[in-house]
């Protein structure tokens, strides 16, 4: 089946680079890979991806994190590049610069993760043929060792906080290992007093200046000590 014909222009810093891109486009045409109707730059595409892909399908906290990474890091430095011209050396240099600026390895890894997720979507939409963010290299991240409180330290904290309005939440956090959002999201209807079970059904998050609820880990419950 034939579709409408269109002209495709390729550019390169050298004659050899331009020829390689021309051969790539000719190969796509031979395999009937459709030509995108729009030549996206990364910045506008990230805005589109956040609004129409991430916001409707992810939790508010995830959207807020991705939006911050895009707004503060990805769009200012990489947004000017066309998707097709974004290369492994460009992304590698961008991430290396973030490391030299003093950002932690983990934070830079999250930047790559967000960029990779957006480019993977662009591949699915047949705007590009490969995800260059997956091909860059970063140092391994060594998570810090978490030293939990001892029972004596936990008891001392609870005794010191006994008059605090959030004391019940502190007890839930310490005794049952709930996340902060899970403790704040508890309702009376989630507590089965007869069966002595607390059902963890939702979390409360602060996102963009307001509170939002989201489902918690499925099937999670805590047994109340008698």
N, C-alpha and C. Protein backbone atom coordinates (compact mmCIF):
# COMPACT_ATOMS: atom_id res chain seq x y z
N UNK A 1 0.86 -1.19 0.00
CA UNK A 1 0.00 0.00 0.00
C UNK A 1 0.89 1.24 0.00
N UNK A 2 0.59 2.16 -0.88
CA UNK A 2 1.40 3.36 -1.00
C UNK A 2 0.71 4.53 -0.32
N UNK A 3 1.49 5.33 0.38
CA UNK A 3 0.97 6.53 1.02
C UNK A 3 1.46 7.75 0.29
N UNK A 4 1.15 8.91 0.79
CA UNK A 4 1.61 10.15 0.14
C UNK A 4 3.13 10.25 0.21
N UNK A 5 3.71 10.75 -0.87
CA UNK A 5 5.15 10.91 -0.92
C UNK A 5 5.56 12.24 -0.32
N UNK A 6 6.74 12.26 0.28
CA UNK A 6 7.26 13.51 0.83
C UNK A 6 8.77 13.50 0.73
N UNK A 7 9.35 14.68 0.74
CA UNK A 7 10.81 14.81 0.67
C UNK A 7 11.41 14.79 2.06
N UNK A 8 12.53 14.14 2.19
CA UNK A 8 13.24 14.07 3.45
C UNK A 8 14.64 14.65 3.25
N UNK A 9 15.02 15.60 4.08
CA UNK A 9 16.33 16.24 3.98
C UNK A 9 17.21 15.75 5.13
N UNK A 10 18.45 15.46 4.83
CA UNK A 10 19.39 15.02 5.86
C UNK A 10 20.58 15.97 5.87
N UNK A 11 21.17 16.11 7.04
CA UNK A 11 22.31 17.01 7.21
C UNK A 11 23.40 16.28 7.99
N UNK A 12 24.61 16.73 7.84
CA UNK A 12 25.72 16.17 8.59
C UNK A 12 26.86 17.16 8.65
N UNK A 13 27.70 17.00 9.65
CA UNK A 13 28.85 17.90 9.78
C UNK A 13 29.90 17.63 8.72
N UNK A 14 29.89 16.40 8.18
CA UNK A 14 30.82 16.05 7.11
C UNK A 14 30.04 15.36 5.99
N UNK A 15 30.66 15.23 4.83
CA UNK A 15 30.02 14.55 3.71
C UNK A 15 29.71 13.10 4.08
N UNK A 16 30.64 12.45 4.81
CA UNK A 16 30.44 11.05 5.19
C UNK A 16 29.25 10.90 6.13
N UNK A 17 29.13 11.83 7.10
CA UNK A 17 28.01 11.76 8.04
C UNK A 17 26.67 11.97 7.32
N UNK A 18 26.63 12.92 6.41
CA UNK A 18 25.41 13.17 5.65
C UNK A 18 25.04 11.95 4.80
N UNK A 19 26.06 11.31 4.22
CA UNK A 19 25.81 10.12 3.40
C UNK A 19 25.25 8.98 4.25
N UNK A 20 25.79 8.81 5.46
CA UNK A 20 25.29 7.75 6.34
C UNK A 20 23.82 7.97 6.69
N UNK A 21 23.46 9.21 6.95
CA UNK A 21 22.07 9.51 7.28
C UNK A 21 21.16 9.32 6.07
N UNK A 22 21.67 9.65 4.89
CA UNK A 22 20.88 9.43 3.67
C UNK A 22 20.63 7.95 3.46
N UNK A 23 21.66 7.14 3.65
CA UNK A 23 21.50 5.69 3.50
C UNK A 23 20.50 5.16 4.52
N UNK A 24 20.55 5.70 5.75
CA UNK A 24 19.61 5.26 6.79
C UNK A 24 18.17 5.58 6.39
N UNK A 25 17.93 6.79 5.85
CA UNK A 25 16.58 7.16 5.44
C UNK A 25 16.11 6.33 4.26
N UNK A 26 17.02 6.02 3.33
CA UNK A 26 16.66 5.17 2.20
C UNK A 26 16.30 3.76 2.67
N UNK A 27 17.03 3.28 3.68
CA UNK A 27 16.72 1.96 4.23
C UNK A 27 15.34 1.94 4.89
N UNK A 28 15.00 3.02 5.60
CA UNK A 28 13.67 3.11 6.21
C UNK A 28 12.58 3.09 5.15
N UNK A 29 12.83 3.83 4.07
CA UNK A 29 11.83 3.88 3.00
C UNK A 29 11.64 2.51 2.38
N UNK A 30 12.74 1.77 2.22
CA UNK A 30 12.65 0.43 1.63
C UNK A 30 11.89 -0.53 2.53
N UNK A 31 11.94 -0.30 3.85
CA UNK A 31 11.22 -1.16 4.81
C UNK A 31 9.84 -0.62 5.15
N UNK A 32 9.41 0.41 4.42
CA UNK A 32 8.08 0.99 4.59
C UNK A 32 7.86 1.56 5.98
N UNK A 33 8.93 2.07 6.61
CA UNK A 33 8.79 2.74 7.90
C UNK A 33 8.27 4.15 7.64
N UNK A 34 7.13 4.52 8.25
CA UNK A 34 6.53 5.83 7.95
C UNK A 34 7.41 6.99 8.37
N UNK A 35 7.32 8.07 7.62
CA UNK A 35 8.06 9.30 7.93
C UNK A 35 7.19 10.16 8.84
N UNK A 36 7.71 10.61 9.98
CA UNK A 36 6.90 11.45 10.88
C UNK A 36 6.42 12.70 10.18
N UNK A 37 5.16 13.10 10.50
CA UNK A 37 4.60 14.31 9.90
C UNK A 37 5.21 15.57 10.48
N UNK A 38 5.83 15.46 11.65
CA UNK A 38 6.39 16.62 12.32
C UNK A 38 7.80 16.32 12.78
N UNK A 39 8.70 17.28 12.59
CA UNK A 39 10.07 17.13 13.06
C UNK A 39 10.17 17.76 14.45
N UNK A 40 10.12 16.91 15.48
CA UNK A 40 10.10 17.38 16.86
C UNK A 40 11.48 17.80 17.33
N UNK A 41 11.52 18.87 18.12
CA UNK A 41 12.67 19.14 18.96
C UNK A 41 12.41 18.49 20.32
N UNK A 42 13.47 18.18 21.03
CA UNK A 42 13.31 17.46 22.29
C UNK A 42 12.48 18.24 23.29
N UNK A 43 12.70 19.57 23.42
CA UNK A 43 11.98 20.36 24.41
C UNK A 43 10.47 20.27 24.25
N UNK A 44 9.91 20.61 23.08
CA UNK A 44 8.47 20.48 22.88
C UNK A 44 7.98 19.05 23.02
N UNK A 45 8.80 18.08 22.60
CA UNK A 45 8.36 16.69 22.72
C UNK A 45 8.25 16.28 24.19
N UNK A 46 9.19 16.72 25.02
CA UNK A 46 9.11 16.42 26.45
C UNK A 46 7.85 17.02 27.07
N UNK A 47 7.49 18.23 26.66
CA UNK A 47 6.25 18.85 27.16
C UNK A 47 5.04 18.00 26.76
N UNK A 48 5.01 17.58 25.51
CA UNK A 48 3.92 16.73 25.02
C UNK A 48 3.88 15.41 25.79
N UNK A 49 5.03 14.81 25.99
CA UNK A 49 5.12 13.51 26.68
C UNK A 49 4.64 13.61 28.12
N UNK A 50 5.03 14.67 28.81
CA UNK A 50 4.59 14.87 30.19
C UNK A 50 3.07 15.03 30.26
N UNK A 51 2.52 15.85 29.38
CA UNK A 51 1.10 16.20 29.47
C UNK A 51 0.19 15.06 29.00
N UNK A 52 0.59 14.36 27.94
CA UNK A 52 -0.32 13.41 27.31
C UNK A 52 0.02 11.94 27.59
N UNK A 53 1.20 11.67 28.12
CA UNK A 53 1.59 10.28 28.41
C UNK A 53 1.76 10.06 29.90
N UNK A 54 2.57 10.89 30.55
CA UNK A 54 2.87 10.67 31.96
C UNK A 54 1.74 11.12 32.87
N UNK A 55 1.23 12.31 32.69
CA UNK A 55 0.20 12.85 33.60
C UNK A 55 -1.04 11.97 33.69
N UNK A 56 -1.55 11.41 32.58
CA UNK A 56 -2.77 10.60 32.69
C UNK A 56 -2.52 9.18 33.22
N UNK A 57 -1.26 8.72 33.23
CA UNK A 57 -1.02 7.31 33.53
C UNK A 57 -0.19 7.05 34.78
N UNK A 58 0.46 8.07 35.32
CA UNK A 58 1.33 7.87 36.47
C UNK A 58 0.78 8.58 37.69
N UNK A 59 1.32 8.23 38.85
CA UNK A 59 0.92 8.88 40.09
C UNK A 59 1.36 10.34 40.09
N UNK A 60 0.63 11.18 40.82
CA UNK A 60 0.99 12.60 40.85
C UNK A 60 2.44 12.85 41.28
N UNK A 61 2.93 12.05 42.24
CA UNK A 61 4.31 12.24 42.70
C UNK A 61 5.31 11.92 41.59
N UNK A 62 5.01 10.90 40.77
CA UNK A 62 5.88 10.55 39.66
C UNK A 62 5.88 11.65 38.61
N UNK A 63 4.69 12.16 38.30
CA UNK A 63 4.61 13.25 37.33
C UNK A 63 5.38 14.47 37.83
N UNK A 64 5.23 14.80 39.11
CA UNK A 64 5.92 15.97 39.66
C UNK A 64 7.43 15.81 39.56
N UNK A 65 7.95 14.60 39.84
CA UNK A 65 9.39 14.35 39.74
C UNK A 65 9.85 14.50 38.29
N UNK A 66 9.14 13.88 37.35
CA UNK A 66 9.54 13.94 35.95
C UNK A 66 9.48 15.38 35.43
N UNK A 67 8.42 16.11 35.81
CA UNK A 67 8.29 17.49 35.36
C UNK A 67 9.44 18.35 35.87
N UNK A 68 9.86 18.12 37.13
CA UNK A 68 10.97 18.88 37.69
C UNK A 68 12.28 18.57 36.95
N UNK A 69 12.52 17.29 36.67
CA UNK A 69 13.74 16.90 35.95
C UNK A 69 13.76 17.53 34.56
N UNK A 70 12.63 17.51 33.88
CA UNK A 70 12.55 18.10 32.54
C UNK A 70 12.77 19.60 32.59
N UNK A 71 12.07 20.26 33.51
CA UNK A 71 12.10 21.73 33.57
C UNK A 71 13.47 22.26 33.98
N UNK A 72 14.11 21.61 34.96
CA UNK A 72 15.36 22.14 35.51
C UNK A 72 16.58 21.67 34.74
N UNK A 73 16.54 20.45 34.22
CA UNK A 73 17.76 19.89 33.64
C UNK A 73 17.66 19.58 32.14
N UNK A 74 16.69 18.79 31.74
CA UNK A 74 16.68 18.29 30.37
C UNK A 74 16.35 19.39 29.34
N UNK A 75 15.26 20.10 29.57
CA UNK A 75 14.84 21.10 28.58
C UNK A 75 15.86 22.23 28.39
N UNK A 76 16.43 22.80 29.46
CA UNK A 76 17.39 23.90 29.24
C UNK A 76 18.63 23.49 28.46
N UNK A 77 19.12 22.27 28.67
CA UNK A 77 20.39 21.87 28.05
C UNK A 77 20.22 21.07 26.76
N UNK A 78 19.14 20.29 26.65
CA UNK A 78 18.98 19.42 25.49
C UNK A 78 17.76 19.75 24.64
N UNK A 79 16.91 20.64 25.13
CA UNK A 79 15.65 20.90 24.45
C UNK A 79 15.78 21.45 23.05
N UNK A 80 16.92 22.05 22.72
CA UNK A 80 17.09 22.67 21.40
C UNK A 80 17.37 21.66 20.30
N UNK A 81 17.73 20.43 20.66
CA UNK A 81 18.11 19.43 19.66
C UNK A 81 16.86 18.76 19.06
N UNK A 82 16.90 18.53 17.75
CA UNK A 82 15.87 17.71 17.13
C UNK A 82 16.04 16.26 17.60
N UNK A 83 14.93 15.57 17.73
CA UNK A 83 15.00 14.18 18.21
C UNK A 83 15.96 13.34 17.37
N UNK A 84 15.90 13.51 16.06
CA UNK A 84 16.73 12.68 15.19
C UNK A 84 18.21 13.03 15.28
N UNK A 85 18.52 14.24 15.77
CA UNK A 85 19.92 14.66 15.83
C UNK A 85 20.51 14.50 17.22
N UNK A 86 19.69 14.02 18.16
CA UNK A 86 20.20 13.75 19.49
C UNK A 86 21.06 12.49 19.43
N UNK A 87 22.29 12.59 19.86
CA UNK A 87 23.23 11.48 19.71
C UNK A 87 23.77 11.04 21.05
N UNK A 88 24.43 9.88 21.04
CA UNK A 88 25.05 9.38 22.26
C UNK A 88 26.10 10.35 22.79
N UNK A 89 27.01 10.89 21.96
CA UNK A 89 27.98 11.86 22.49
C UNK A 89 27.34 13.10 23.12
N UNK A 90 26.23 13.59 22.54
CA UNK A 90 25.57 14.77 23.10
C UNK A 90 25.01 14.46 24.48
N UNK A 91 24.33 13.33 24.63
CA UNK A 91 23.74 12.97 25.91
C UNK A 91 24.83 12.63 26.93
N UNK A 92 25.89 11.96 26.47
CA UNK A 92 26.99 11.62 27.38
C UNK A 92 27.65 12.88 27.91
N UNK A 93 27.88 13.86 27.04
CA UNK A 93 28.51 15.11 27.47
C UNK A 93 27.60 15.86 28.45
N UNK A 94 26.30 15.84 28.21
CA UNK A 94 25.34 16.48 29.11
C UNK A 94 25.40 15.86 30.50
N UNK A 95 25.36 14.54 30.58
CA UNK A 95 25.37 13.87 31.88
C UNK A 95 26.72 14.02 32.58
N UNK A 96 27.81 13.96 31.80
CA UNK A 96 29.14 14.17 32.39
C UNK A 96 29.24 15.57 32.99
N UNK A 97 28.65 16.55 32.32
CA UNK A 97 28.66 17.91 32.85
C UNK A 97 27.91 18.03 34.16
N UNK A 98 26.82 17.30 34.31
CA UNK A 98 26.07 17.30 35.57
C UNK A 98 26.90 16.70 36.70
N UNK A 99 27.64 15.65 36.39
CA UNK A 99 28.50 15.05 37.40
C UNK A 99 29.62 16.00 37.81
N UNK A 100 30.20 16.68 36.82
CA UNK A 100 31.27 17.63 37.14
C UNK A 100 30.74 18.81 37.96
N UNK A 101 29.47 19.13 37.78
CA UNK A 101 28.87 20.24 38.52
C UNK A 101 28.58 19.88 39.97
N UNK A 102 28.81 18.61 40.32
CA UNK A 102 28.65 18.21 41.71
C UNK A 102 27.37 17.46 42.02
N UNK A 103 26.53 17.18 41.03
CA UNK A 103 25.33 16.41 41.29
C UNK A 103 25.69 14.96 41.58
N UNK A 104 24.90 14.32 42.41
CA UNK A 104 25.20 12.94 42.79
C UNK A 104 24.95 11.99 41.62
N UNK A 105 25.62 10.85 41.67
CA UNK A 105 25.44 9.84 40.63
C UNK A 105 23.98 9.43 40.54
N UNK A 106 23.32 9.28 41.68
CA UNK A 106 21.92 8.86 41.68
C UNK A 106 21.04 9.88 40.98
N UNK A 107 21.25 11.17 41.24
CA UNK A 107 20.44 12.20 40.59
C UNK A 107 20.65 12.20 39.08
N UNK A 108 21.89 12.01 38.66
CA UNK A 108 22.17 11.98 37.22
C UNK A 108 21.57 10.73 36.59
N UNK A 109 21.58 9.62 37.31
CA UNK A 109 20.94 8.42 36.81
C UNK A 109 19.44 8.62 36.61
N UNK A 110 18.82 9.37 37.50
CA UNK A 110 17.39 9.65 37.36
C UNK A 110 17.14 10.50 36.13
N UNK A 111 18.04 11.45 35.85
CA UNK A 111 17.91 12.25 34.63
C UNK A 111 17.93 11.35 33.40
N UNK A 112 18.88 10.43 33.37
CA UNK A 112 18.95 9.52 32.23
C UNK A 112 17.69 8.65 32.16
N UNK A 113 17.19 8.22 33.30
CA UNK A 113 15.99 7.39 33.33
C UNK A 113 14.79 8.13 32.73
N UNK A 114 14.63 9.39 33.11
CA UNK A 114 13.52 10.18 32.58
C UNK A 114 13.68 10.41 31.08
N UNK A 115 14.88 10.79 30.66
CA UNK A 115 15.13 11.00 29.24
C UNK A 115 14.91 9.71 28.45
N UNK A 116 15.38 8.59 29.00
CA UNK A 116 15.22 7.31 28.32
C UNK A 116 13.75 6.94 28.18
N UNK A 117 12.95 7.21 29.21
CA UNK A 117 11.52 6.91 29.13
C UNK A 117 10.85 7.72 28.02
N UNK A 118 11.22 8.99 27.90
CA UNK A 118 10.65 9.83 26.85
C UNK A 118 11.08 9.36 25.46
N UNK A 119 12.35 9.02 25.32
CA UNK A 119 12.85 8.57 24.01
C UNK A 119 12.28 7.21 23.64
N UNK A 120 12.04 6.36 24.63
CA UNK A 120 11.40 5.07 24.34
C UNK A 120 10.01 5.29 23.76
N UNK A 121 9.30 6.27 24.30
CA UNK A 121 7.99 6.60 23.75
C UNK A 121 8.12 7.12 22.32
N UNK A 122 9.14 7.93 22.08
CA UNK A 122 9.35 8.45 20.72
C UNK A 122 9.65 7.32 19.74
N UNK A 123 10.35 6.29 20.21
CA UNK A 123 10.61 5.12 19.35
C UNK A 123 9.29 4.42 19.05
N UNK A 124 8.44 4.24 20.06
CA UNK A 124 7.15 3.58 19.85
C UNK A 124 6.27 4.37 18.88
N UNK A 125 6.40 5.69 18.89
CA UNK A 125 5.63 6.53 17.99
C UNK A 125 6.31 6.67 16.63
N UNK A 126 7.40 5.95 16.42
CA UNK A 126 8.13 5.90 15.16
C UNK A 126 8.67 7.25 14.74
N UNK A 127 9.05 8.04 15.76
CA UNK A 127 9.68 9.33 15.49
C UNK A 127 11.19 9.19 15.36
N UNK A 128 11.76 8.22 16.07
CA UNK A 128 13.18 7.90 16.00
C UNK A 128 13.32 6.38 15.98
N UNK A 129 14.49 5.91 15.63
CA UNK A 129 14.69 4.46 15.51
C UNK A 129 15.44 3.84 16.68
N UNK A 130 16.09 4.67 17.51
CA UNK A 130 16.82 4.12 18.65
C UNK A 130 16.79 5.11 19.81
N UNK A 131 16.99 4.56 20.99
CA UNK A 131 17.00 5.35 22.22
C UNK A 131 18.45 5.56 22.64
N UNK A 132 18.99 6.75 22.34
CA UNK A 132 20.41 6.99 22.60
C UNK A 132 20.71 7.07 24.10
N UNK A 133 19.70 7.38 24.92
CA UNK A 133 19.94 7.48 26.37
C UNK A 133 20.33 6.14 26.97
N UNK A 134 19.89 5.06 26.34
CA UNK A 134 20.24 3.73 26.85
C UNK A 134 21.70 3.36 26.57
N UNK A 135 22.34 4.10 25.69
CA UNK A 135 23.69 3.74 25.27
C UNK A 135 24.79 4.52 25.99
N UNK A 136 24.40 5.52 26.80
CA UNK A 136 25.41 6.27 27.54
C UNK A 136 25.83 5.48 28.78
N UNK A 137 26.97 5.84 29.33
CA UNK A 137 27.51 5.14 30.50
C UNK A 137 27.66 6.10 31.66
N UNK A 138 27.34 5.60 32.85
CA UNK A 138 27.47 6.37 34.07
C UNK A 138 28.14 5.52 35.14
N UNK A 139 28.78 6.16 36.11
CA UNK A 139 29.36 5.38 37.21
C UNK A 139 28.28 4.63 37.96
N UNK A 140 28.67 3.52 38.59
CA UNK A 140 27.73 2.76 39.39
C UNK A 140 27.35 3.55 40.63
N UNK A 141 26.11 3.43 41.02
CA UNK A 141 25.62 4.12 42.21
C UNK A 141 25.71 3.19 43.40
N UNK A 142 26.36 3.66 44.46
CA UNK A 142 26.47 2.89 45.70
C UNK A 142 25.55 3.49 46.74
N UNK A 143 24.40 2.85 47.00
CA UNK A 143 23.47 3.42 47.99
C UNK A 143 24.10 3.46 49.37
N UNK A 144 23.78 4.50 50.12
CA UNK A 144 24.31 4.61 51.47
C UNK A 144 23.66 3.58 52.38
N UNK A 145 24.40 3.17 53.38
CA UNK A 145 23.91 2.16 54.32
C UNK A 145 22.98 2.84 55.32
N UNK A 146 21.78 2.31 55.43
CA UNK A 146 20.79 2.84 56.37
C UNK A 146 20.90 2.09 57.69
N UNK A 147 21.13 2.82 58.74
CA UNK A 147 21.23 2.22 60.07
C UNK A 147 19.92 2.52 60.82
N UNK A 148 19.05 1.55 61.01
CA UNK A 148 17.77 1.82 61.66
C UNK A 148 17.95 2.07 63.16
N UNK A 149 16.96 2.71 63.73
CA UNK A 149 16.97 2.91 65.17
C UNK A 149 16.88 1.58 65.90
N UNK A 150 17.49 1.53 67.03
CA UNK A 150 17.32 0.38 67.92
C UNK A 150 15.97 0.53 68.63
N UNK A 151 15.44 -0.55 69.22
CA UNK A 151 14.18 -0.43 69.99
C UNK A 151 14.27 0.64 71.07
N UNK A 152 15.43 0.77 71.71
CA UNK A 152 15.59 1.78 72.76
C UNK A 152 15.49 3.18 72.18
N UNK A 153 16.12 3.41 71.02
CA UNK A 153 16.07 4.73 70.38
C UNK A 153 14.66 5.05 69.90
N UNK A 154 13.96 4.05 69.34
CA UNK A 154 12.59 4.27 68.88
C UNK A 154 11.67 4.62 70.05
N UNK A 155 11.83 3.91 71.16
CA UNK A 155 11.00 4.19 72.34
C UNK A 155 11.28 5.59 72.88
N UNK A 156 12.55 5.99 72.89
CA UNK A 156 12.91 7.32 73.36
C UNK A 156 12.27 8.40 72.49
N UNK A 157 12.25 8.16 71.17
CA UNK A 157 11.61 9.12 70.27
C UNK A 157 10.12 9.23 70.56
N UNK A 158 9.45 8.10 70.71
CA UNK A 158 8.01 8.13 70.96
C UNK A 158 7.68 8.82 72.28
N UNK A 159 8.51 8.59 73.28
CA UNK A 159 8.28 9.26 74.57
C UNK A 159 8.45 10.77 74.44
N UNK A 160 9.41 11.19 73.62
CA UNK A 160 9.63 12.63 73.44
C UNK A 160 8.53 13.27 72.60
N UNK A 161 7.88 12.48 71.74
CA UNK A 161 6.89 13.02 70.81
C UNK A 161 5.46 12.75 71.26
N UNK A 162 5.27 12.29 72.47
CA UNK A 162 3.94 11.83 72.89
C UNK A 162 2.89 12.94 72.86
N UNK A 163 3.27 14.19 73.00
CA UNK A 163 2.31 15.30 72.97
C UNK A 163 2.16 15.91 71.57
N UNK A 164 2.86 15.38 70.60
CA UNK A 164 2.79 15.91 69.24
C UNK A 164 1.48 15.47 68.57
N UNK A 165 0.81 16.35 67.83
CA UNK A 165 -0.43 15.97 67.14
C UNK A 165 -0.26 14.79 66.18
N UNK A 166 0.95 14.60 65.69
CA UNK A 166 1.21 13.51 64.75
C UNK A 166 1.70 12.24 65.44
N UNK A 167 1.58 12.18 66.75
CA UNK A 167 2.05 11.01 67.49
C UNK A 167 1.46 9.70 66.95
N UNK A 168 0.15 9.61 66.67
CA UNK A 168 -0.37 8.34 66.12
C UNK A 168 0.31 7.93 64.81
N UNK A 169 0.63 8.93 63.97
CA UNK A 169 1.32 8.61 62.71
C UNK A 169 2.72 8.09 62.98
N UNK A 170 3.41 8.68 63.98
CA UNK A 170 4.76 8.20 64.32
C UNK A 170 4.71 6.74 64.78
N UNK A 171 3.68 6.39 65.55
CA UNK A 171 3.55 5.01 66.01
C UNK A 171 3.36 4.06 64.83
N UNK A 172 2.52 4.45 63.88
CA UNK A 172 2.29 3.60 62.71
C UNK A 172 3.55 3.43 61.88
N UNK A 173 4.30 4.50 61.74
CA UNK A 173 5.54 4.44 60.97
C UNK A 173 6.54 3.49 61.61
N UNK A 174 6.67 3.58 62.93
CA UNK A 174 7.68 2.79 63.63
C UNK A 174 7.27 1.34 63.81
N UNK A 175 6.01 1.11 64.17
CA UNK A 175 5.59 -0.26 64.49
C UNK A 175 5.29 -1.09 63.25
N UNK A 176 4.73 -0.46 62.21
CA UNK A 176 4.26 -1.24 61.05
C UNK A 176 5.03 -0.93 59.77
N UNK A 177 5.98 -0.03 59.83
CA UNK A 177 6.79 0.25 58.65
C UNK A 177 6.03 0.91 57.52
N UNK A 178 4.98 1.65 57.86
CA UNK A 178 4.23 2.32 56.81
C UNK A 178 5.04 3.48 56.22
N UNK A 179 4.76 3.76 54.97
CA UNK A 179 5.31 4.96 54.36
C UNK A 179 4.56 6.17 54.91
N UNK A 180 5.18 7.35 54.78
CA UNK A 180 4.54 8.55 55.29
C UNK A 180 3.17 8.77 54.65
N UNK A 181 3.10 8.62 53.32
CA UNK A 181 1.83 8.83 52.63
C UNK A 181 0.78 7.82 53.02
N UNK A 182 1.20 6.58 53.33
CA UNK A 182 0.25 5.55 53.74
C UNK A 182 -0.33 5.86 55.12
N UNK A 183 0.52 6.33 56.03
CA UNK A 183 0.03 6.69 57.36
C UNK A 183 -0.94 7.87 57.28
N UNK A 184 -0.63 8.86 56.45
CA UNK A 184 -1.51 10.02 56.31
C UNK A 184 -2.80 9.69 55.57
N UNK A 185 -2.77 8.62 54.77
CA UNK A 185 -3.95 8.25 53.99
C UNK A 185 -4.92 7.33 54.69
N UNK A 186 -4.63 6.93 55.93
CA UNK A 186 -5.54 6.04 56.66
C UNK A 186 -6.87 6.72 56.98
N UNK A 187 -7.95 5.94 56.83
CA UNK A 187 -9.29 6.41 57.20
C UNK A 187 -9.90 5.40 58.17
N UNK A 188 -10.94 5.82 58.88
CA UNK A 188 -11.59 4.91 59.81
C UNK A 188 -12.13 3.68 59.10
N UNK A 189 -12.59 3.84 57.88
CA UNK A 189 -13.12 2.70 57.14
C UNK A 189 -12.05 1.68 56.77
N UNK A 190 -10.77 2.06 56.91
CA UNK A 190 -9.68 1.13 56.62
C UNK A 190 -9.30 0.28 57.83
N UNK A 191 -9.90 0.55 58.96
CA UNK A 191 -9.53 -0.14 60.21
C UNK A 191 -10.65 -1.09 60.60
N UNK A 192 -10.31 -2.38 60.65
CA UNK A 192 -11.26 -3.42 61.10
C UNK A 192 -10.93 -3.72 62.56
N UNK A 193 -11.69 -3.08 63.47
CA UNK A 193 -11.37 -3.21 64.90
C UNK A 193 -11.60 -4.63 65.38
N UNK A 194 -12.67 -5.28 64.93
CA UNK A 194 -12.96 -6.64 65.39
C UNK A 194 -11.89 -7.63 64.96
N UNK A 195 -11.45 -7.51 63.71
CA UNK A 195 -10.43 -8.43 63.21
C UNK A 195 -9.02 -7.97 63.56
N UNK A 196 -8.90 -6.76 64.15
CA UNK A 196 -7.60 -6.21 64.53
C UNK A 196 -6.66 -6.07 63.32
N UNK A 197 -7.20 -5.54 62.22
CA UNK A 197 -6.42 -5.39 60.99
C UNK A 197 -6.58 -3.97 60.46
N UNK A 198 -5.47 -3.38 60.03
CA UNK A 198 -5.48 -2.09 59.34
C UNK A 198 -5.21 -2.35 57.86
N UNK A 199 -6.12 -1.97 57.01
CA UNK A 199 -5.96 -2.14 55.56
C UNK A 199 -5.33 -0.86 54.98
N UNK A 200 -4.21 -1.03 54.28
CA UNK A 200 -3.50 0.11 53.69
C UNK A 200 -3.95 0.22 52.24
N UNK A 201 -4.87 1.14 51.97
CA UNK A 201 -5.49 1.21 50.64
C UNK A 201 -5.08 2.44 49.83
N UNK A 202 -4.57 3.47 50.46
CA UNK A 202 -4.23 4.67 49.71
C UNK A 202 -3.06 5.40 50.35
N UNK A 203 -2.50 6.30 49.57
CA UNK A 203 -1.44 7.18 50.05
C UNK A 203 -1.84 8.62 49.76
N UNK A 204 -1.37 9.54 50.60
CA UNK A 204 -1.58 10.96 50.37
C UNK A 204 -0.24 11.60 50.02
N UNK A 205 -0.22 12.32 48.91
CA UNK A 205 1.00 12.99 48.45
C UNK A 205 0.71 14.47 48.27
N UNK A 206 1.74 15.27 48.45
CA UNK A 206 1.64 16.69 48.10
C UNK A 206 2.25 16.88 46.72
N UNK A 207 1.47 17.40 45.81
CA UNK A 207 1.93 17.58 44.43
C UNK A 207 1.46 18.92 43.91
N UNK A 208 2.42 19.74 43.47
CA UNK A 208 2.13 21.05 42.89
C UNK A 208 1.25 21.90 43.81
N UNK A 209 1.59 21.88 45.10
CA UNK A 209 0.93 22.75 46.06
C UNK A 209 -0.37 22.24 46.63
N UNK A 210 -0.80 21.05 46.25
CA UNK A 210 -2.04 20.50 46.78
C UNK A 210 -1.86 19.03 47.11
N UNK A 211 -2.77 18.48 47.90
CA UNK A 211 -2.70 17.08 48.29
C UNK A 211 -3.48 16.22 47.30
N UNK A 212 -2.96 15.05 47.01
CA UNK A 212 -3.63 14.12 46.10
C UNK A 212 -3.49 12.72 46.67
N UNK A 213 -4.48 11.88 46.40
CA UNK A 213 -4.45 10.51 46.88
C UNK A 213 -4.13 9.56 45.74
N UNK A 214 -3.54 8.42 46.09
CA UNK A 214 -3.22 7.39 45.10
C UNK A 214 -3.31 6.04 45.79
N UNK A 215 -3.54 5.01 45.01
CA UNK A 215 -3.61 3.67 45.57
C UNK A 215 -2.26 3.27 46.15
N UNK A 216 -2.32 2.49 47.24
CA UNK A 216 -1.10 2.02 47.86
C UNK A 216 -0.73 0.66 47.30
N UNK A 217 0.24 0.03 47.91
CA UNK A 217 0.68 -1.29 47.48
C UNK A 217 -0.46 -2.28 47.63
N UNK A 218 -0.78 -3.05 46.58
CA UNK A 218 -1.96 -3.93 46.63
C UNK A 218 -1.84 -5.01 47.70
N UNK A 219 -2.95 -5.25 48.41
CA UNK A 219 -2.99 -6.34 49.39
C UNK A 219 -2.26 -6.07 50.67
N UNK A 220 -1.87 -4.82 50.93
CA UNK A 220 -1.08 -4.53 52.12
C UNK A 220 -1.99 -4.32 53.32
N UNK A 221 -1.64 -4.96 54.42
CA UNK A 221 -2.40 -4.81 55.67
C UNK A 221 -1.46 -4.99 56.83
N UNK A 222 -1.87 -4.42 57.97
CA UNK A 222 -1.08 -4.53 59.19
C UNK A 222 -1.97 -5.12 60.30
N UNK A 223 -1.43 -6.06 61.05
CA UNK A 223 -2.15 -6.67 62.14
C UNK A 223 -1.90 -5.89 63.41
N UNK A 224 -2.96 -5.44 64.07
CA UNK A 224 -2.83 -4.65 65.27
C UNK A 224 -2.45 -5.56 66.43
N UNK A 225 -1.39 -5.18 67.14
CA UNK A 225 -0.96 -5.98 68.29
C UNK A 225 -1.98 -5.89 69.40
N UNK A 226 -2.26 -6.99 70.01
CA UNK A 226 -3.23 -7.03 71.12
C UNK A 226 -2.53 -6.67 72.43
